Protein backbone atom coordinates (compact mmCIF):
# COMPACT_ATOMS: atom_id res chain seq x y z
CA MET A 1 78.42 98.45 162.62
CA ASP A 2 77.27 100.96 160.03
CA CYS A 3 75.43 98.63 157.64
CA ILE A 4 72.26 100.05 156.09
CA PHE A 5 70.77 96.57 155.66
CA CYS A 6 71.40 95.69 159.33
CA LYS A 7 69.64 98.95 160.24
CA ILE A 8 66.68 97.95 158.05
CA ILE A 9 66.54 94.54 159.73
CA ASP A 10 66.63 96.21 163.17
CA GLY A 11 63.86 98.65 162.17
CA GLN A 12 66.11 101.71 162.49
CA VAL A 13 65.63 102.52 158.80
CA PRO A 14 62.20 102.13 157.14
CA SER A 15 61.69 99.86 154.16
CA ASN A 16 58.84 98.68 151.97
CA LYS A 17 58.99 95.09 153.15
CA VAL A 18 57.57 92.30 150.98
CA TYR A 19 58.78 89.23 152.90
CA GLU A 20 60.22 88.28 156.26
CA ASP A 21 60.90 85.11 158.19
CA ASP A 22 63.36 84.27 160.96
CA LYS A 23 66.38 84.17 158.60
CA VAL A 24 65.56 86.31 155.56
CA MET A 25 64.04 89.70 154.80
CA ALA A 26 63.07 91.24 151.47
CA PHE A 27 62.07 94.77 150.53
CA HIS A 28 61.64 96.96 147.45
CA ASP A 29 64.81 98.62 146.20
CA ILE A 30 64.73 102.40 146.65
CA GLN A 31 66.34 102.84 143.22
CA PRO A 32 64.56 100.20 141.12
CA GLN A 33 66.15 99.14 137.86
CA SER A 34 63.08 97.26 136.65
CA ALA A 35 59.32 97.29 137.19
CA VAL A 36 59.80 94.86 140.09
CA HIS A 37 63.09 95.20 141.97
CA VAL A 38 63.30 93.57 145.39
CA LEU A 39 66.36 93.06 147.57
CA ILE A 40 66.55 89.77 149.47
CA ILE A 41 68.97 89.63 152.40
CA PRO A 42 69.92 87.23 155.17
CA LYS A 43 69.31 88.66 158.63
CA LYS A 44 72.80 87.57 159.59
CA HIS A 45 75.41 90.13 158.55
CA ILE A 46 77.79 88.53 156.07
CA PRO A 47 79.67 91.05 153.87
CA SER A 48 79.87 88.93 150.68
CA VAL A 49 79.78 85.37 149.39
CA ASN A 50 83.55 85.29 149.99
CA ASP A 51 82.86 85.65 153.73
CA VAL A 52 80.39 82.78 154.11
CA GLN A 53 81.36 80.32 156.85
CA ASP A 54 80.63 76.57 156.83
CA GLY A 55 77.46 76.94 158.95
CA ASP A 56 76.03 79.71 156.75
CA TRP A 57 75.44 77.86 153.46
CA GLU A 58 71.85 76.91 154.30
CA LEU A 59 71.01 80.63 154.15
CA PHE A 60 71.34 80.43 150.37
CA ALA A 61 68.57 77.83 150.20
CA ASP A 62 66.47 80.10 152.41
CA ILE A 63 67.16 83.10 150.14
CA HIS A 64 66.28 81.16 146.98
CA SER A 65 63.13 79.75 148.58
CA ALA A 66 62.12 83.30 149.54
CA ALA A 67 62.83 84.47 145.97
CA VAL A 68 60.43 81.89 144.51
CA HIS A 69 57.77 82.81 147.08
CA ILE A 70 58.17 86.55 146.38
CA ALA A 71 58.11 86.07 142.59
CA LYS A 72 54.84 84.18 142.90
CA GLU A 73 53.35 86.77 145.28
CA LEU A 74 54.33 89.65 142.99
CA GLY A 75 53.00 87.89 139.90
CA ILE A 76 56.28 87.52 138.01
CA ALA A 77 57.04 83.81 138.49
CA GLN A 78 55.42 82.71 135.24
CA SER A 79 56.69 85.52 133.01
CA GLY A 80 60.23 85.27 134.37
CA TYR A 81 62.61 87.10 136.63
CA ARG A 82 66.29 87.59 137.27
CA LEU A 83 68.05 86.81 140.56
CA ILE A 84 71.45 88.49 140.85
CA ASN A 85 74.17 88.55 143.51
CA ASN A 86 77.14 90.86 143.14
CA CYS A 87 80.31 89.92 145.02
CA GLY A 88 82.97 92.56 145.58
CA LYS A 89 83.70 96.07 144.44
CA ASP A 90 84.42 95.27 140.78
CA SER A 91 81.06 93.48 140.45
CA GLY A 92 79.21 96.61 141.52
CA GLN A 93 78.46 95.50 145.09
CA ALA A 94 77.71 98.77 146.89
CA VAL A 95 76.39 97.47 150.23
CA PHE A 96 78.64 94.90 151.85
CA HIS A 97 75.92 92.68 153.29
CA ILE A 98 75.04 89.72 151.05
CA HIS A 99 71.96 90.55 149.02
CA TYR A 100 70.20 89.34 145.94
CA HIS A 101 68.35 91.50 143.44
CA LEU A 102 65.06 89.96 142.32
CA MET A 103 64.10 91.78 139.13
CA GLY A 104 61.25 91.35 136.68
CA GLY A 105 57.81 92.57 135.78
CA GLU A 106 58.93 93.53 132.28
CA GLN A 107 61.13 92.28 129.45
CA LEU A 108 64.65 92.58 130.84
CA GLY A 109 67.54 93.44 128.56
CA PRO A 110 70.58 91.24 128.10
CA LEU A 111 73.31 91.25 130.70
CA ASN A 112 76.32 93.25 129.57
CA ILE A 113 78.87 90.45 129.82
CA LYS A 114 82.09 90.80 127.90
């Protein structure tokens, strides 16, 4: 498998890790779009939300729990943050391993929703 996030999980590719437990890992995005921009991923390779199997749904609770922990640790929980998941090519998903963008640390602009 040629998944960059799986390689980060396996330690083949370095990352600036901010959180890790047995199911979830989080690291700073290498192309941040805000003052704080962290990617939160499950350690299990699942390409997108459309590929989640019945036994995988608890990973979303783990990801959201990690997001709250990370936001508190990075000092953005009180001021606010955005948690985004893109699903599929038209959404802008570039790496096909489920991931959430945790963004904050500054006033974020509106989402460009038509």
